[in-house]
Every structure is written in structure tokens, then in C-alpha cells.
Amino acid sequence: MPRHPREPDRATSAEPAPEDAVRPSGEEWRQPGAPVRPPATNDEPGPAAVGPVPAVDEHTAAIQELEDRWRRALADLDNLRKRHARELERERTVERSRTAAAFLPVLDNLELALSHADADSSAIVEGIRAVRDQAVNVLELLGYPRHAETGVAFDPARHEVVSVVDDPDFEPGTVVQVLRPGYGDGDRQLRPATVTVAKRE
């Protein structure tokens, strides 16, 4: 049937869609004359499948190498700790043996003095004094010198005061009498000397 000459061509003179009209999504809407894009299939790689796969493998190898090095370092540290504990115990045993061996002559002389208990009392006293001096010498060789001086200024790091006396023969604040000697100095002090001190004015 022939078209009316005044009838407009619907294919060429269609009115444009209003701006607020909802357009179909995807391939449902396209401009006239635009090529039709075939739908994506599962065989085509998507955007997530494209990536630096070799780089991921390199990172995995690097992580494995770091973990291996970390485990080896832990094993070395554990071996070092065990070796240090063994060496420390061995050094303690050697030091105890050396100290005990240093006091053996002192015990020998004490037994010798006791074997002469029936002898002259003055000889016994001299023998005991000699043994005492020998023991003091052993302590000094081990790094613990004896302190039993009187007339020296009171030092709270070396002296422990048990009483204060008024003695005109001594300067105020000086040691009048040593009741128990002290041994060692500073960090190597076995014990301070127990003393009486002259009263301060």
C-alpha cells in the first residue's frame, strides 16, 4: 500500500527520547548504525584473569626463601643458647674447684694446729694466727681484700655501724673499733666491716 505523501517517515523522523527516560542497559540499547558486540562467553578471559603471573611466582619464591632463612636463624640461635649454657656451667664448675683448692692448705694447717693442742698455748695461738693470715691471703688473691682498719673516716659503702661512742682519742666520724672485718670493694664486696664510730659533735 503506498504511503501518504504527507505521512512522515518513522525511521528517519522519530522524535528523540526525553532526557529523563530510562535507557536499557548493556546491549539492549545502542546507537543506530553501531556494530553489534557479541555477548561474552566463558571461554574468553575476563579482566581478573589478566595479570603478571610470573611476578606472583617470583614473590612466592622470595617468601619461601625468607622463611627458610628465618628457620635456619632460629635453629642457630637455639644451638648458641644451649652451647652458652653448657660453657657457663663448665666455667662455674672450674671456678668452684679453683676456690676450694685454694683453701685446702688452710684446712691442712688448721688440722696441724689441732694435732698440737697439748703443746704450749702460745705456740697454739701463733699457729692459729698464721692460719688466719693464710686464709686472708687466699681471699685477697681471689679479689676480696680484708678491711679492718681503725681511725679511718666512716664510709657507708664499706662500713656498717652498730654503735656510736664518745671517745676523745678519735676524731668525730671515724672508726673506733672493728667488730667484724669486711672483705672486698665496690661491686666485689663480700660484706662490709661491722664497726663502732666516734660520736660527731
C-alpha atoms as a PDB file:
ATOM      1  CA  MET A   1       0.000   0.000   0.000  1.00  0.00           C
ATOM      2  CA  PRO A   2       1.537   3.340  -0.931  1.00  0.00           C
ATOM      3  CA  ARG A   3       2.288   5.730   1.867  1.00  0.00           C
ATOM      4  CA  HIS A   4       0.512   9.029   2.095  1.00  0.00           C
ATOM      5  CA  PRO A   5       2.720  11.736   0.746  1.00  0.00           C
ATOM      6  CA  ARG A   6       2.234  13.812   3.902  1.00  0.00           C
ATOM      7  CA  GLU A   7       2.880  10.912   6.307  1.00  0.00           C
ATOM      8  CA  PRO A   8       6.310  11.368   7.934  1.00  0.00           C
ATOM      9  CA  ASP A   9       8.948   8.652   7.743  1.00  0.00           C
ATOM     10  CA  ARG A  10       9.019   6.979  11.139  1.00  0.00           C
ATOM     11  CA  ALA A  11      12.510   5.567  10.607  1.00  0.00           C
ATOM     12  CA  THR A  12      14.073   8.950   9.888  1.00  0.00           C
ATOM     13  CA  SER A  13      11.909  11.435  11.711  1.00  0.00           C
ATOM     14  CA  ALA A  14      11.461   9.737  15.091  1.00  0.00           C
ATOM     15  CA  GLU A  15      11.437  12.222  17.918  1.00  0.00           C
ATOM     16  CA  PRO A  16      14.400  11.978  20.317  1.00  0.00           C
ATOM     17  CA  ALA A  17      13.740  10.332  23.674  1.00  0.00           C
ATOM     18  CA  PRO A  18      13.408  12.662  26.610  1.00  0.00           C
ATOM     19  CA  GLU A  19      16.494  13.131  28.772  1.00  0.00           C
ATOM     20  CA  ASP A  20      14.856  11.626  31.865  1.00  0.00           C
ATOM     21  CA  ALA A  21      13.869   8.478  30.029  1.00  0.00           C
ATOM     22  CA  VAL A  22      15.397   5.209  31.313  1.00  0.00           C
ATOM     23  CA  ARG A  23      17.682   3.637  28.777  1.00  0.00           C
ATOM     24  CA  PRO A  24      18.152  -0.128  28.622  1.00  0.00           C
ATOM     25  CA  SER A  25      21.451  -1.377  29.961  1.00  0.00           C
ATOM     26  CA  GLY A  26      24.103  -3.391  28.149  1.00  0.00           C
ATOM     27  CA  GLU A  27      23.495  -4.447  24.561  1.00  0.00           C
ATOM     28  CA  GLU A  28      19.763  -3.731  24.795  1.00  0.00           C
ATOM     29  CA  TRP A  29      20.430  -0.145  23.777  1.00  0.00           C
ATOM     30  CA  ARG A  30      22.832   1.126  21.159  1.00  0.00           C
ATOM     31  CA  GLN A  31      23.029   3.963  18.704  1.00  0.00           C
ATOM     32  CA  PRO A  32      21.574   3.374  15.309  1.00  0.00           C
ATOM     33  CA  GLY A  33      24.181   2.043  12.977  1.00  0.00           C
ATOM     34  CA  ALA A  34      26.609   0.948  15.776  1.00  0.00           C
ATOM     35  CA  PRO A  35      28.113  -2.519  15.356  1.00  0.00           C
ATOM     36  CA  VAL A  36      26.611  -5.261  17.437  1.00  0.00           C
ATOM     37  CA  ARG A  37      29.023  -6.623  20.037  1.00  0.00           C
ATOM     38  CA  PRO A  38      28.683 -10.352  20.528  1.00  0.00           C
ATOM     39  CA  PRO A  39      27.987 -11.477  24.095  1.00  0.00           C
ATOM     40  CA  ALA A  40      30.945 -12.591  26.188  1.00  0.00           C
ATOM     41  CA  THR A  41      31.394 -16.304  26.628  1.00  0.00           C
ATOM     42  CA  ASN A  42      33.052 -18.238  29.448  1.00  0.00           C
ATOM     43  CA  ASP A  43      35.956 -19.120  27.179  1.00  0.00           C
ATOM     44  CA  GLU A  44      37.141 -15.514  26.979  1.00  0.00           C
ATOM     45  CA  PRO A  45      39.438 -14.368  29.817  1.00  0.00           C
ATOM     46  CA  GLY A  46      37.896 -11.643  31.949  1.00  0.00           C
ATOM     47  CA  PRO A  47      39.739  -8.627  33.376  1.00  0.00           C
ATOM     48  CA  ALA A  48      40.654 -10.512  36.557  1.00  0.00           C
ATOM     49  CA  ALA A  49      42.403 -13.253  34.600  1.00  0.00           C
ATOM     50  CA  VAL A  50      44.889 -10.863  33.058  1.00  0.00           C
ATOM     51  CA  GLY A  51      47.877 -10.240  35.358  1.00  0.00           C
ATOM     52  CA  PRO A  52      51.632 -10.667  35.861  1.00  0.00           C
ATOM     53  CA  VAL A  53      51.643 -14.349  36.708  1.00  0.00           C
ATOM     54  CA  PRO A  54      55.442 -14.645  36.580  1.00  0.00           C
ATOM     55  CA  ALA A  55      55.736 -11.833  39.163  1.00  0.00           C
ATOM     56  CA  VAL A  56      53.461 -13.740  41.555  1.00  0.00           C
ATOM     57  CA  ASP A  57      55.703 -16.793  41.206  1.00  0.00           C
ATOM     58  CA  GLU A  58      58.771 -14.679  41.981  1.00  0.00           C
ATOM     59  CA  HIS A  59      57.145 -13.282  45.133  1.00  0.00           C
ATOM     60  CA  THR A  60      56.216 -16.780  46.278  1.00  0.00           C
ATOM     61  CA  ALA A  61      59.780 -18.000  45.791  1.00  0.00           C
ATOM     62  CA  ALA A  62      61.152 -14.991  47.682  1.00  0.00           C
ATOM     63  CA  ILE A  63      58.780 -15.614  50.606  1.00  0.00           C
ATOM     64  CA  GLN A  64      59.781 -19.262  50.760  1.00  0.00           C
ATOM     65  CA  GLU A  65      63.457 -18.301  50.762  1.00  0.00           C
ATOM     66  CA  LEU A  66      62.898 -15.817  53.613  1.00  0.00           C
ATOM     67  CA  GLU A  67      61.013 -18.416  55.632  1.00  0.00           C
ATOM     68  CA  ASP A  68      63.845 -20.902  55.125  1.00  0.00           C
ATOM     69  CA  ARG A  69      66.435 -18.367  56.247  1.00  0.00           C
ATOM     70  CA  TRP A  70      64.306 -17.467  59.268  1.00  0.00           C
ATOM     71  CA  ARG A  71      64.032 -21.123  60.338  1.00  0.00           C
ATOM     72  CA  ARG A  72      67.791 -21.607  59.971  1.00  0.00           C
ATOM     73  CA  ALA A  73      68.415 -18.485  62.082  1.00  0.00           C
ATOM     74  CA  LEU A  74      66.112 -19.818  64.818  1.00  0.00           C
ATOM     75  CA  ALA A  75      67.946 -23.144  64.811  1.00  0.00           C
ATOM     76  CA  ASP A  76      71.338 -21.394  65.050  1.00  0.00           C
ATOM     77  CA  LEU A  77      70.094 -19.243  67.921  1.00  0.00           C
ATOM     78  CA  ASP A  78      68.837 -22.277  69.824  1.00  0.00           C
ATOM     79  CA  ASN A  79      72.156 -24.072  69.344  1.00  0.00           C
ATOM     80  CA  LEU A  80      74.041 -20.978  70.524  1.00  0.00           C
ATOM     81  CA  ARG A  81      71.877 -20.741  73.646  1.00  0.00           C
ATOM     82  CA  LYS A  82      72.477 -24.396  74.525  1.00  0.00           C
ATOM     83  CA  ARG A  83      76.223 -24.082  73.929  1.00  0.00           C
ATOM     84  CA  HIS A  84      76.387 -20.950  76.099  1.00  0.00           C
ATOM     85  CA  ALA A  85      74.535 -22.733  78.928  1.00  0.00           C
ATOM     86  CA  ARG A  86      76.984 -25.653  78.773  1.00  0.00           C
ATOM     87  CA  GLU A  87      80.016 -23.353  78.763  1.00  0.00           C
ATOM     88  CA  LEU A  88      78.641 -21.299  81.653  1.00  0.00           C
ATOM     89  CA  GLU A  89      78.090 -24.375  83.798  1.00  0.00           C
ATOM     90  CA  ARG A  90      81.575 -25.620  82.946  1.00  0.00           C
ATOM     91  CA  GLU A  91      83.111 -22.272  83.960  1.00  0.00           C
ATOM     92  CA  ARG A  92      81.210 -22.341  87.252  1.00  0.00           C
ATOM     93  CA  THR A  93      82.499 -25.831  87.996  1.00  0.00           C
ATOM     94  CA  VAL A  94      86.076 -24.799  87.236  1.00  0.00           C
ATOM     95  CA  GLU A  95      85.801 -21.678  89.425  1.00  0.00           C
ATOM     96  CA  ARG A  96      84.368 -23.620  92.359  1.00  0.00           C
ATOM     97  CA  SER A  97      87.162 -26.165  92.073  1.00  0.00           C
ATOM     98  CA  ARG A  98      89.809 -23.427  91.960  1.00  0.00           C
ATOM     99  CA  THR A  99      88.407 -21.707  95.049  1.00  0.00           C
ATOM    100  CA  ALA A 100      88.111 -24.926  97.023  1.00  0.00           C
ATOM    101  CA  ALA A 101      91.653 -25.943  96.081  1.00  0.00           C
ATOM    102  CA  ALA A 102      92.952 -22.552  97.302  1.00  0.00           C
ATOM    103  CA  PHE A 103      91.538 -23.236 100.787  1.00  0.00           C
ATOM    104  CA  LEU A 104      92.935 -26.765 101.118  1.00  0.00           C
ATOM    105  CA  PRO A 105      96.254 -25.561 102.639  1.00  0.00           C
ATOM    106  CA  VAL A 106      94.280 -23.549 105.192  1.00  0.00           C
ATOM    107  CA  LEU A 107      92.441 -26.680 106.307  1.00  0.00           C
ATOM    108  CA  ASP A 108      95.714 -28.616 106.431  1.00  0.00           C
ATOM    109  CA  ASN A 109      97.239 -26.025 108.769  1.00  0.00           C
ATOM    110  CA  LEU A 110      94.151 -25.988 110.984  1.00  0.00           C
ATOM    111  CA  GLU A 111      94.356 -29.762 111.374  1.00  0.00           C
ATOM    112  CA  LEU A 112      98.078 -29.459 112.143  1.00  0.00           C
ATOM    113  CA  ALA A 113      97.329 -26.875 114.854  1.00  0.00           C
ATOM    114  CA  LEU A 114      94.660 -29.114 116.406  1.00  0.00           C
ATOM    115  CA  SER A 115      97.078 -32.059 116.475  1.00  0.00           C
ATOM    116  CA  HIS A 116      99.351 -29.968 118.764  1.00  0.00           C
ATOM    117  CA  ALA A 117      96.599 -28.978 121.183  1.00  0.00           C
ATOM    118  CA  ASP A 118      98.610 -30.324 124.146  1.00  0.00           C
ATOM    119  CA  ALA A 119     101.605 -28.145 123.320  1.00  0.00           C
ATOM    120  CA  ASP A 120     102.395 -24.689 124.694  1.00  0.00           C
ATOM    121  CA  SER A 121      99.368 -22.362 124.479  1.00  0.00           C
ATOM    122  CA  SER A 122     101.440 -19.571 122.995  1.00  0.00           C
ATOM    123  CA  ALA A 123     102.518 -21.874 120.157  1.00  0.00           C
ATOM    124  CA  ILE A 124      98.886 -22.779 119.527  1.00  0.00           C
ATOM    125  CA  VAL A 125      97.929 -19.098 119.336  1.00  0.00           C
ATOM    126  CA  GLU A 126     100.757 -18.374 116.923  1.00  0.00           C
ATOM    127  CA  GLY A 127      99.738 -21.320 114.753  1.00  0.00           C
ATOM    128  CA  ILE A 128      96.106 -20.199 114.593  1.00  0.00           C
ATOM    129  CA  ARG A 129      97.166 -16.659 113.761  1.00  0.00           C
ATOM    130  CA  ALA A 130      99.333 -17.971 110.935  1.00  0.00           C
ATOM    131  CA  VAL A 131      96.396 -19.982 109.576  1.00  0.00           C
ATOM    132  CA  ARG A 132      94.192 -16.894 109.789  1.00  0.00           C
ATOM    133  CA  ASP A 133      96.720 -14.851 107.845  1.00  0.00           C
ATOM    134  CA  GLN A 134      96.918 -17.581 105.225  1.00  0.00           C
ATOM    135  CA  ALA A 135      93.133 -17.587 104.774  1.00  0.00           C
ATOM    136  CA  VAL A 136      93.112 -13.782 104.472  1.00  0.00           C
ATOM    137  CA  ASN A 137      95.794 -14.022 101.805  1.00  0.00           C
ATOM    138  CA  VAL A 138      93.720 -16.564  99.855  1.00  0.00           C
ATOM    139  CA  LEU A 139      90.699 -14.235  99.897  1.00  0.00           C
ATOM    140  CA  GLU A 140      92.852 -11.354  98.712  1.00  0.00           C
ATOM    141  CA  LEU A 141      94.192 -13.426  95.826  1.00  0.00           C
ATOM    142  CA  LEU A 142      90.591 -14.202  94.869  1.00  0.00           C
ATOM    143  CA  GLY A 143      89.867 -10.470  94.724  1.00  0.00           C
ATOM    144  CA  TYR A 144      88.423  -9.858  98.212  1.00  0.00           C
ATOM    145  CA  PRO A 145      90.907  -7.907 100.360  1.00  0.00           C
ATOM    146  CA  ARG A 146      90.350  -7.612 104.125  1.00  0.00           C
ATOM    147  CA  HIS A 147      89.310  -4.290 105.729  1.00  0.00           C
ATOM    148  CA  ALA A 148      89.760  -3.958 109.488  1.00  0.00           C
ATOM    149  CA  GLU A 149      91.356  -0.510 109.846  1.00  0.00           C
ATOM    150  CA  THR A 150      90.601   1.819 112.744  1.00  0.00           C
ATOM    151  CA  GLY A 151      90.955   5.597 112.772  1.00  0.00           C
ATOM    152  CA  VAL A 152      89.740   5.891 109.167  1.00  0.00           C
ATOM    153  CA  ALA A 153      86.759   8.020 108.171  1.00  0.00           C
ATOM    154  CA  PHE A 154      83.422   6.291 108.205  1.00  0.00           C
ATOM    155  CA  ASP A 155      82.392   5.133 104.714  1.00  0.00           C
ATOM    156  CA  PRO A 156      78.806   3.851 104.366  1.00  0.00           C
ATOM    157  CA  ALA A 157      79.847   1.786 101.338  1.00  0.00           C
ATOM    158  CA  ARG A 158      82.484  -0.126 103.372  1.00  0.00           C
ATOM    159  CA  HIS A 159      81.263   0.106 106.979  1.00  0.00           C
ATOM    160  CA  GLU A 160      78.177  -0.983 108.889  1.00  0.00           C
ATOM    161  CA  VAL A 161      77.697   0.980 112.115  1.00  0.00           C
ATOM    162  CA  VAL A 162      76.384  -0.903 115.144  1.00  0.00           C
ATOM    163  CA  SER A 163      77.038   1.780 117.758  1.00  0.00           C
ATOM    164  CA  VAL A 164      78.278   5.339 118.242  1.00  0.00           C
ATOM    165  CA  VAL A 165      80.635   6.070 121.134  1.00  0.00           C
ATOM    166  CA  ASP A 166      82.055   9.215 122.676  1.00  0.00           C
ATOM    167  CA  ASP A 167      85.831   8.680 122.502  1.00  0.00           C
ATOM    168  CA  PRO A 168      88.145  11.699 122.786  1.00  0.00           C
ATOM    169  CA  ASP A 169      91.038   9.724 121.282  1.00  0.00           C
ATOM    170  CA  PHE A 170      89.365   9.566 117.871  1.00  0.00           C
ATOM    171  CA  GLU A 171      88.168  12.250 115.519  1.00  0.00           C
ATOM    172  CA  PRO A 172      84.384  12.541 115.236  1.00  0.00           C
ATOM    173  CA  GLY A 173      83.011  10.346 112.447  1.00  0.00           C
ATOM    174  CA  THR A 174      85.970   7.941 112.396  1.00  0.00           C
ATOM    175  CA  VAL A 175      86.062   4.188 113.056  1.00  0.00           C
ATOM    176  CA  VAL A 176      86.879   3.431 116.704  1.00  0.00           C
ATOM    177  CA  GLN A 177      86.655  -0.367 116.703  1.00  0.00           C
ATOM    178  CA  VAL A 178      86.169  -3.116 114.099  1.00  0.00           C
ATOM    179  CA  LEU A 179      83.917  -5.832 115.468  1.00  0.00           C
ATOM    180  CA  ARG A 180      83.904  -7.882 112.275  1.00  0.00           C
ATOM    181  CA  PRO A 181      86.250  -7.324 109.319  1.00  0.00           C
ATOM    182  CA  GLY A 182      84.897  -6.602 105.867  1.00  0.00           C
ATOM    183  CA  TYR A 183      86.049  -8.224 102.622  1.00  0.00           C
ATOM    184  CA  GLY A 184      86.014  -6.883  99.084  1.00  0.00           C
ATOM    185  CA  ASP A 185      85.484  -3.482  97.476  1.00  0.00           C
ATOM    186  CA  GLY A 186      82.701  -1.951  95.425  1.00  0.00           C
ATOM    187  CA  ASP A 187      80.809  -4.453  93.303  1.00  0.00           C
ATOM    188  CA  ARG A 188      83.082  -7.255  94.532  1.00  0.00           C
ATOM    189  CA  GLN A 189      82.298  -6.751  98.202  1.00  0.00           C
ATOM    190  CA  LEU A 190      81.500  -9.895 100.154  1.00  0.00           C
ATOM    191  CA  ARG A 191      80.380  -7.936 103.217  1.00  0.00           C
ATOM    192  CA  PRO A 192      81.018  -4.542 104.858  1.00  0.00           C
ATOM    193  CA  ALA A 193      83.005  -4.178 108.068  1.00  0.00           C
ATOM    194  CA  THR A 194      80.951  -4.003 111.265  1.00  0.00           C
ATOM    195  CA  VAL A 195      82.309  -1.047 113.279  1.00  0.00           C
ATOM    196  CA  THR A 196      81.721   1.439 116.070  1.00  0.00           C
ATOM    197  CA  VAL A 197      82.117   5.107 115.161  1.00  0.00           C
ATOM    198  CA  ALA A 198      83.161   8.141 117.202  1.00  0.00           C
ATOM    199  CA  LYS A 199      80.300  10.471 118.013  1.00  0.00           C
ATOM    200  CA  ARG A 200      80.069  13.632 115.958  1.00  0.00           C
ATOM    201  CA  GLU A 201      79.998  16.983 117.714  1.00  0.00           C
END
